[in-house]
PDB file of N, CA and C in Angstrom:
ATOM      1  N   MET A   1      96.733 118.637 125.263  1.00  0.00           N
ATOM      2  CA  MET A   1      96.800 117.450 124.311  1.00  0.00           C
ATOM      3  C   MET A   1      97.614 117.437 123.533  1.00  0.00           C
ATOM      4  N   SER A   2      98.012 116.176 122.750  1.00  0.00           N
ATOM      5  CA  SER A   2      99.331 115.675 122.128  1.00  0.00           C
ATOM      6  C   SER A   2      98.743 115.757 120.706  1.00  0.00           C
ATOM      7  N   THR A   3      99.667 116.396 119.620  1.00  0.00           N
ATOM      8  CA  THR A   3      99.552 116.285 118.398  1.00  0.00           C
ATOM      9  C   THR A   3      99.717 114.792 117.832  1.00  0.00           C
ATOM     10  N   VAL A   4      98.904 114.540 116.887  1.00  0.00           N
ATOM     11  CA  VAL A   4      98.947 112.918 116.598  1.00  0.00           C
ATOM     12  C   VAL A   4      99.909 113.089 115.328  1.00  0.00           C
ATOM     13  N   LYS A   5     100.971 112.177 115.536  1.00  0.00           N
ATOM     14  CA  LYS A   5     102.018 112.215 114.107  1.00  0.00           C
ATOM     15  C   LYS A   5     101.500 110.928 113.547  1.00  0.00           C
ATOM     16  N   ARG A   6     101.465 110.867 112.062  1.00  0.00           N
ATOM     17  CA  ARG A   6     100.983 109.715 111.419  1.00  0.00           C
ATOM     18  C   ARG A   6     102.159 109.436 110.318  1.00  0.00           C
ATOM     19  N   PHE A   7     102.442 108.411 110.112  1.00  0.00           N
ATOM     20  CA  PHE A   7     103.236 107.925 108.861  1.00  0.00           C
ATOM     21  C   PHE A   7     102.559 108.038 107.626  1.00  0.00           C
ATOM     22  N   ILE A   8     103.522 108.409 106.722  1.00  0.00           N
ATOM     23  CA  ILE A   8     103.010 108.727 105.117  1.00  0.00           C
ATOM     24  C   ILE A   8     103.364 107.377 104.684  1.00  0.00           C
ATOM     25  N   ALA A   9     102.604 106.757 103.933  1.00  0.00           N
ATOM     26  CA  ALA A   9     102.910 105.325 103.216  1.00  0.00           C
ATOM     27  C   ALA A   9     103.396 106.061 101.899  1.00  0.00           C
ATOM     28  N   GLY A  10     104.476 105.249 101.605  1.00  0.00           N
ATOM     29  CA  GLY A  10     105.133 105.321 100.359  1.00  0.00           C
ATOM     30  C   GLY A  10     106.089 106.334 100.327  1.00  0.00           C
ATOM     31  N   VAL A  11     106.271 107.446 101.230  1.00  0.00           N
ATOM     32  CA  VAL A  11     107.289 108.249 100.651  1.00  0.00           C
ATOM     33  C   VAL A  11     108.618 107.849 101.234  1.00  0.00           C
ATOM     34  N   ILE A  12     109.695 108.205 100.681  1.00  0.00           N
ATOM     35  CA  ILE A  12     111.100 108.149 100.647  1.00  0.00           C
ATOM     36  C   ILE A  12     111.780 109.377 101.475  1.00  0.00           C
ATOM     37  N   CYS A  13     112.599 108.762 102.612  1.00  0.00           N
ATOM     38  CA  CYS A  13     113.349 109.717 103.107  1.00  0.00           C
ATOM     39  C   CYS A  13     114.271 110.552 102.260  1.00  0.00           C
ATOM     40  N   PRO A  14     114.112 111.973 102.274  1.00  0.00           N
ATOM     41  CA  PRO A  14     115.220 112.710 101.069  1.00  0.00           C
ATOM     42  C   PRO A  14     116.867 112.615 101.751  1.00  0.00           C
ATOM     43  N   ARG A  15     117.097 112.176 102.771  1.00  0.00           N
ATOM     44  CA  ARG A  15     118.568 112.236 103.456  1.00  0.00           C
ATOM     45  C   ARG A  15     118.820 110.646 103.185  1.00  0.00           C
ATOM     46  N   CYS A  16     118.170 109.728 103.515  1.00  0.00           N
ATOM     47  CA  CYS A  16     118.759 108.262 104.070  1.00  0.00           C
ATOM     48  C   CYS A  16     118.276 107.375 103.065  1.00  0.00           C
ATOM     49  N   ALA A  17     117.140 107.663 102.161  1.00  0.00           N
ATOM     50  CA  ALA A  17     116.360 107.003 101.348  1.00  0.00           C
ATOM     51  C   ALA A  17     115.254 105.736 102.073  1.00  0.00           C
ATOM     52  N   ALA A  18     115.066 105.790 102.958  1.00  0.00           N
ATOM     53  CA  ALA A  18     114.475 104.665 103.668  1.00  0.00           C
ATOM     54  C   ALA A  18     113.027 105.096 103.408  1.00  0.00           C
ATOM     55  N   MET A  19     112.280 103.797 103.057  1.00  0.00           N
ATOM     56  CA  MET A  19     110.796 104.209 102.514  1.00  0.00           C
ATOM     57  C   MET A  19     109.987 103.821 103.814  1.00  0.00           C
ATOM     58  N   ASP A  20     108.999 104.486 103.648  1.00  0.00           N
ATOM     59  CA  ASP A  20     107.799 104.256 104.995  1.00  0.00           C
ATOM     60  C   ASP A  20     108.366 104.602 106.344  1.00  0.00           C
ATOM     61  N   ARG A  21     109.398 105.593 106.340  1.00  0.00           N
ATOM     62  CA  ARG A  21     109.920 105.951 107.728  1.00  0.00           C
ATOM     63  C   ARG A  21     109.603 107.677 108.038  1.00  0.00           C
ATOM     64  N   ILE A  22     108.796 108.244 107.339  1.00  0.00           N
ATOM     65  CA  ILE A  22     108.540 109.555 107.548  1.00  0.00           C
ATOM     66  C   ILE A  22     107.227 109.674 107.984  1.00  0.00           C
ATOM     67  N   ARG A  23     107.076 110.635 108.929  1.00  0.00           N
ATOM     68  CA  ARG A  23     105.880 110.913 109.953  1.00  0.00           C
ATOM     69  C   ARG A  23     105.630 112.503 109.474  1.00  0.00           C
ATOM     70  N   ALA A  24     104.513 112.843 109.636  1.00  0.00           N
ATOM     71  CA  ALA A  24     104.263 113.973 109.631  1.00  0.00           C
ATOM     72  C   ALA A  24     102.759 114.806 110.661  1.00  0.00           C
ATOM     73  N   TRP A  25     103.111 115.997 110.861  1.00  0.00           N
ATOM     74  CA  TRP A  25     101.957 116.311 111.482  1.00  0.00           C
ATOM     75  C   TRP A  25     101.859 118.026 111.554  1.00  0.00           C
ATOM     76  N   GLU A  26     100.777 118.591 112.196  1.00  0.00           N
ATOM     77  CA  GLU A  26     100.422 119.810 111.877  1.00  0.00           C
ATOM     78  C   GLU A  26     100.326 120.647 113.100  1.00  0.00           C
ATOM     79  N   GLN A  27     100.936 121.564 113.182  1.00  0.00           N
ATOM     80  CA  GLN A  27     100.773 122.178 114.855  1.00  0.00           C
ATOM     81  C   GLN A  27     101.167 123.396 114.620  1.00  0.00           C
ATOM     82  N   ASN A  28     100.058 124.586 114.779  1.00  0.00           N
ATOM     83  CA  ASN A  28     100.272 126.303 114.878  1.00  0.00           C
ATOM     84  C   ASN A  28     100.373 126.617 113.704  1.00  0.00           C
ATOM     85  N   GLY A  29      99.431 126.114 112.499  1.00  0.00           N
ATOM     86  CA  GLY A  29      99.839 126.388 111.172  1.00  0.00           C
ATOM     87  C   GLY A  29     101.016 126.058 110.388  1.00  0.00           C
ATOM     88  N   ILE A  30     101.534 125.206 111.086  1.00  0.00           N
ATOM     89  CA  ILE A  30     103.036 124.521 110.246  1.00  0.00           C
ATOM     90  C   ILE A  30     103.022 123.005 109.847  1.00  0.00           C
ATOM     91  N   ARG A  31     103.299 122.437 109.234  1.00  0.00           N
ATOM     92  CA  ARG A  31     103.455 121.135 108.852  1.00  0.00           C
ATOM     93  C   ARG A  31     104.803 120.588 108.982  1.00  0.00           C
ATOM     94  N   TYR A  32     104.825 119.612 109.758  1.00  0.00           N
ATOM     95  CA  TYR A  32     106.203 119.042 110.280  1.00  0.00           C
ATOM     96  C   TYR A  32     106.173 117.574 109.529  1.00  0.00           C
ATOM     97  N   ARG A  33     107.628 117.332 109.462  1.00  0.00           N
ATOM     98  CA  ARG A  33     107.851 116.169 108.741  1.00  0.00           C
ATOM     99  C   ARG A  33     109.322 115.537 109.311  1.00  0.00           C
ATOM    100  N   GLU A  34     109.258 114.476 109.707  1.00  0.00           N
ATOM    101  CA  GLU A  34     110.679 113.860 109.992  1.00  0.00           C
ATOM    102  C   GLU A  34     110.886 112.341 109.896  1.00  0.00           C
ATOM    103  N   CYS A  35     111.882 112.153 109.904  1.00  0.00           N
ATOM    104  CA  CYS A  35     112.452 110.489 109.727  1.00  0.00           C
ATOM    105  C   CYS A  35     112.758 109.877 110.925  1.00  0.00           C
ATOM    106  N   VAL A  36     112.098 108.782 110.807  1.00  0.00           N
ATOM    107  CA  VAL A  36     112.357 108.201 112.557  1.00  0.00           C
ATOM    108  C   VAL A  36     113.762 107.304 112.228  1.00  0.00           C
ATOM    109  N   SER A  37     114.090 107.152 111.043  1.00  0.00           N
ATOM    110  CA  SER A  37     115.575 106.545 110.841  1.00  0.00           C
ATOM    111  C   SER A  37     116.704 107.150 110.766  1.00  0.00           C
ATOM    112  N   CYS A  38     116.585 108.518 110.618  1.00  0.00           N
ATOM    113  CA  CYS A  38     117.613 109.532 110.424  1.00  0.00           C
ATOM    114  C   CYS A  38     117.374 110.851 111.422  1.00  0.00           C
ATOM    115  N   ASP A  39     118.095 111.805 110.957  1.00  0.00           N
ATOM    116  CA  ASP A  39     117.572 112.971 111.413  1.00  0.00           C
ATOM    117  C   ASP A  39     117.060 114.255 110.701  1.00  0.00           C
ATOM    118  N   PHE A  40     116.457 113.643 109.381  1.00  0.00           N
ATOM    119  CA  PHE A  40     115.779 114.688 108.827  1.00  0.00           C
ATOM    120  C   PHE A  40     114.772 115.071 109.458  1.00  0.00           C
ATOM    121  N   PHE A  41     114.410 116.479 109.278  1.00  0.00           N
ATOM    122  CA  PHE A  41     113.351 117.253 109.969  1.00  0.00           C
ATOM    123  C   PHE A  41     113.089 118.248 109.062  1.00  0.00           C
ATOM    124  N   GLU A  42     111.984 118.929 108.534  1.00  0.00           N
ATOM    125  CA  GLU A  42     111.356 119.717 108.002  1.00  0.00           C
ATOM    126  C   GLU A  42     110.226 120.536 108.502  1.00  0.00           C
ATOM    127  N   GLN A  43     110.220 121.499 108.139  1.00  0.00           N
ATOM    128  CA  GLN A  43     108.974 122.490 108.482  1.00  0.00           C
ATOM    129  C   GLN A  43     108.628 123.221 107.361  1.00  0.00           C
ATOM    130  N   LEU A  44     107.175 123.111 107.158  1.00  0.00           N
ATOM    131  CA  LEU A  44     106.686 123.689 105.833  1.00  0.00           C
ATOM    132  C   LEU A  44     105.489 124.587 106.245  1.00  0.00           C
ATOM    133  N   PRO A  45     105.035 125.806 105.574  1.00  0.00           N
ATOM    134  CA  PRO A  45     103.812 126.402 106.237  1.00  0.00           C
ATOM    135  C   PRO A  45     102.857 125.587 105.588  1.00  0.00           C
ATOM    136  N   VAL A  46     101.570 125.816 106.352  1.00  0.00           N
ATOM    137  CA  VAL A  46     100.488 125.000 105.899  1.00  0.00           C
ATOM    138  C   VAL A  46      99.712 126.011 104.617  1.00  0.00           C
ATOM    139  N   GLU A  47      99.152 125.594 103.732  1.00  0.00           N
ATOM    140  CA  GLU A  47      98.596 125.953 102.415  1.00  0.00           C
ATOM    141  C   GLU A  47      97.527 126.604 102.760  1.00  0.00           C
ATOM    142  N   ASP A  48      96.990 127.409 102.603  1.00  0.00           N
ATOM    143  CA  ASP A  48      95.378 127.974 102.114  1.00  0.00           C
ATOM    144  C   ASP A  48      94.738 126.955 101.702  1.00  0.00           C
ATOM    145  N   GLU A  49      93.305 126.922 101.466  1.00  0.00           N
ATOM    146  CA  GLU A  49      92.488 126.198 100.829  1.00  0.00           C
ATOM    147  C   GLU A  49      92.197 126.361  99.806  1.00  0.00           C
ATOM    148  N   ASN A  50      92.617 127.894  99.291  1.00  0.00           N
ATOM    149  CA  ASN A  50      92.404 128.248  97.865  1.00  0.00           C
ATOM    150  C   ASN A  50      93.814 128.122  97.085  1.00  0.00           C
ATOM    151  N   SER A  51      94.661 127.564  97.684  1.00  0.00           N
ATOM    152  CA  SER A  51      95.944 127.265  96.915  1.00  0.00           C
ATOM    153  C   SER A  51      96.009 125.990  96.074  1.00  0.00           C
ATOM    154  N   SER A  52      96.437 126.003  94.828  1.00  0.00           N
ATOM    155  CA  SER A  52      96.447 124.943  94.039  1.00  0.00           C
ATOM    156  C   SER A  52      97.202 123.532  94.255  1.00  0.00           C
ATOM    157  N   GLU A  53      96.780 122.695  94.009  1.00  0.00           N
ATOM    158  CA  GLU A  53      97.389 121.327  94.332  1.00  0.00           C
ATOM    159  C   GLU A  53      98.853 121.188  93.621  1.00  0.00           C
ATOM    160  N   LEU A  54      99.621 120.382  94.530  1.00  0.00           N
ATOM    161  CA  LEU A  54     101.162 120.090  94.263  1.00  0.00           C
ATOM    162  C   LEU A  54     100.997 119.530  92.956  1.00  0.00           C
ATOM    163  N   THR A  55     101.844 120.100  91.925  1.00  0.00           N
ATOM    164  CA  THR A  55     102.025 119.134  90.661  1.00  0.00           C
ATOM    165  C   THR A  55     103.125 118.073  90.797  1.00  0.00           C
ATOM    166  N   THR A  56     102.410 117.144  90.438  1.00  0.00           N
ATOM    167  CA  THR A  56     103.085 115.743  90.221  1.00  0.00           C
ATOM    168  C   THR A  56     102.883 114.826  88.915  1.00  0.00           C
ATOM    169  N   ARG A  57     103.867 113.787  88.877  1.00  0.00           N
ATOM    170  CA  ARG A  57     103.521 113.234  87.586  1.00  0.00           C
ATOM    171  C   ARG A  57     102.154 112.380  87.610  1.00  0.00           C
ATOM    172  N   VAL A  58     101.675 112.140  88.586  1.00  0.00           N
ATOM    173  CA  VAL A  58     100.317 111.501  88.888  1.00  0.00           C
ATOM    174  C   VAL A  58      99.021 112.234  88.544  1.00  0.00           C
ATOM    175  N   ASN A  59      99.246 113.843  88.703  1.00  0.00           N
ATOM    176  CA  ASN A  59      97.754 114.541  88.457  1.00  0.00           C
ATOM    177  C   ASN A  59      98.217 115.290  87.426  1.00  0.00           C
ATOM    178  N   GLN A  60      99.428 115.039  86.282  1.00  0.00           N
ATOM    179  CA  GLN A  60      99.382 116.038  85.200  1.00  0.00           C
ATOM    180  C   GLN A  60      99.330 114.909  84.028  1.00  0.00           C
ATOM    181  N   VAL A  61      98.551 115.528  82.903  1.00  0.00           N
ATOM    182  CA  VAL A  61      98.299 114.969  81.671  1.00  0.00           C
ATOM    183  C   VAL A  61      99.454 114.970  80.660  1.00  0.00           C
ATOM    184  N   ARG A  62      99.743 113.901  80.215  1.00  0.00           N
ATOM    185  CA  ARG A  62     101.155 114.030  79.362  1.00  0.00           C
ATOM    186  C   ARG A  62     100.897 114.623  78.036  1.00  0.00           C
ATOM    187  N   ASP A  63     102.070 115.228  77.307  1.00  0.00           N
ATOM    188  CA  ASP A  63     101.805 115.677  76.233  1.00  0.00           C
ATOM    189  C   ASP A  63     101.327 114.998  75.282  1.00  0.00           C
ATOM    190  N   GLU A  64     101.703 113.877  75.050  1.00  0.00           N
ATOM    191  CA  GLU A  64     101.196 113.009  74.189  1.00  0.00           C
ATOM    192  C   GLU A  64      99.716 112.625  74.028  1.00  0.00           C
ATOM    193  N   GLN A  65      99.233 112.780  75.568  1.00  0.00           N
ATOM    194  CA  GLN A  65      97.762 112.485  75.676  1.00  0.00           C
ATOM    195  C   GLN A  65      96.835 113.765  75.333  1.00  0.00           C
ATOM    196  N   LYS A  66      97.305 114.966  75.598  1.00  0.00           N
ATOM    197  CA  LYS A  66      96.639 116.210  75.353  1.00  0.00           C
ATOM    198  C   LYS A  66      96.577 116.384  73.862  1.00  0.00           C
ATOM    199  N   ASN A  67      97.466 115.713  72.909  1.00  0.00           N
ATOM    200  CA  ASN A  67      97.164 116.075  71.440  1.00  0.00           C
ATOM    201  C   ASN A  67      96.118 114.624  70.859  1.00  0.00           C
ATOM    202  N   GLN A  68      95.911 113.594  71.746  1.00  0.00           N
ATOM    203  CA  GLN A  68      95.718 112.305  70.997  1.00  0.00           C
ATOM    204  C   GLN A  68      94.135 112.510  70.648  1.00  0.00           C
ATOM    205  N   ASP A  69      93.442 112.150  69.736  1.00  0.00           N
ATOM    206  CA  ASP A  69      92.033 112.043  69.632  1.00  0.00           C
ATOM    207  C   ASP A  69      91.293 110.717  70.367  1.00  0.00           C
ATOM    208  N   VAL A  70      90.243 111.512  71.036  1.00  0.00           N
ATOM    209  CA  VAL A  70      89.593 109.890  71.434  1.00  0.00           C
ATOM    210  C   VAL A  70      88.775 109.355  70.519  1.00  0.00           C
ATOM    211  N   GLN A  71      88.812 107.855  70.415  1.00  0.00           N
ATOM    212  CA  GLN A  71      87.986 107.322  69.488  1.00  0.00           C
ATOM    213  C   GLN A  71      87.328 106.014  70.230  1.00  0.00           C
ATOM    214  N   PRO A  72      85.970 105.883  70.250  1.00  0.00           N
ATOM    215  CA  PRO A  72      85.408 104.937  71.116  1.00  0.00           C
ATOM    216  C   PRO A  72      85.822 103.443  70.304  1.00  0.00           C
ATOM    217  N   VAL A  73      85.899 102.321  71.139  1.00  0.00           N
ATOM    218  CA  VAL A  73      86.112 100.877  70.953  1.00  0.00           C
ATOM    219  C   VAL A  73      84.687 100.221  70.538  1.00  0.00           C
ATOM    220  N   ARG A  74      84.930  99.518  69.450  1.00  0.00           N
ATOM    221  CA  ARG A  74      83.538  98.826  68.944  1.00  0.00           C
ATOM    222  C   ARG A  74      83.985  97.710  69.611  1.00  0.00           C
ATOM    223  N   ILE A  75      83.187  96.560  70.058  1.00  0.00           N
ATOM    224  CA  ILE A  75      83.123  95.228  70.346  1.00  0.00           C
ATOM    225  C   ILE A  75      82.706  94.752  68.913  1.00  0.00           C
ATOM    226  N   LEU A  76      83.213  93.889  68.605  1.00  0.00           N
ATOM    227  CA  LEU A  76      82.582  92.925  67.268  1.00  0.00           C
ATOM    228  C   LEU A  76      82.178  91.646  67.793  1.00  0.00           C
ATOM    229  N   ASP A  77      80.884  91.376  67.368  1.00  0.00           N
ATOM    230  CA  ASP A  77      80.168  89.960  67.659  1.00  0.00           C
ATOM    231  C   ASP A  77      80.635  89.054  66.731  1.00  0.00           C
ATOM    232  N   PRO A  78      81.755  87.988  67.188  1.00  0.00           N
ATOM    233  CA  PRO A  78      82.357  86.944  66.151  1.00  0.00           C
ATOM    234  C   PRO A  78      81.200  86.112  65.145  1.00  0.00           C
ATOM    235  N   GLY A  79      79.819  86.232  65.706  1.00  0.00           N
ATOM    236  CA  GLY A  79      78.794  85.371  64.865  1.00  0.00           C
ATOM    237  C   GLY A  79      78.225  86.018  63.960  1.00  0.00           C
ATOM    238  N   LYS A  80      78.169  87.295  64.050  1.00  0.00           N
ATOM    239  CA  LYS A  80      77.487  88.347  62.808  1.00  0.00           C
ATOM    240  C   LYS A  80      78.887  88.533  61.781  1.00  0.00           C
ATOM    241  N   PRO A  81      78.712  88.495  60.628  1.00  0.00           N
ATOM    242  CA  PRO A  81      79.350  89.372  59.595  1.00  0.00           C
ATOM    243  C   PRO A  81      79.450  90.625  59.665  1.00  0.00           C
ATOM    244  N   ARG A  82      80.668  91.070  59.456  1.00  0.00           N
ATOM    245  CA  ARG A  82      80.929  92.439  59.258  1.00  0.00           C
ATOM    246  C   ARG A  82      80.381  93.351  58.132  1.00  0.00           C
ATOM    247  N   SER A  83      80.072  94.666  58.355  1.00  0.00           N
ATOM    248  CA  SER A  83      79.309  95.145  57.162  1.00  0.00           C
ATOM    249  C   SER A  83      80.167  96.402  56.609  1.00  0.00           C
TER     250      SER A  83
END
């Protein structure tokens, strides 16, 4: 049985900087990544289910958002006078 190698959308190769050229697969508890444009190849151990998610700019709250009070937005009806 062969291992399915899948391309990772939006990933940039750390060696040649080509986008959408990295493919990844897992085999025997090891995660592999390789670039089809250059000779970049990487092996990473597969993390357990209990390990935390990798910290990225997308899944983190910005400092200014942490300290900001949340206020509801009120929509005004232009036909009614404000009180």
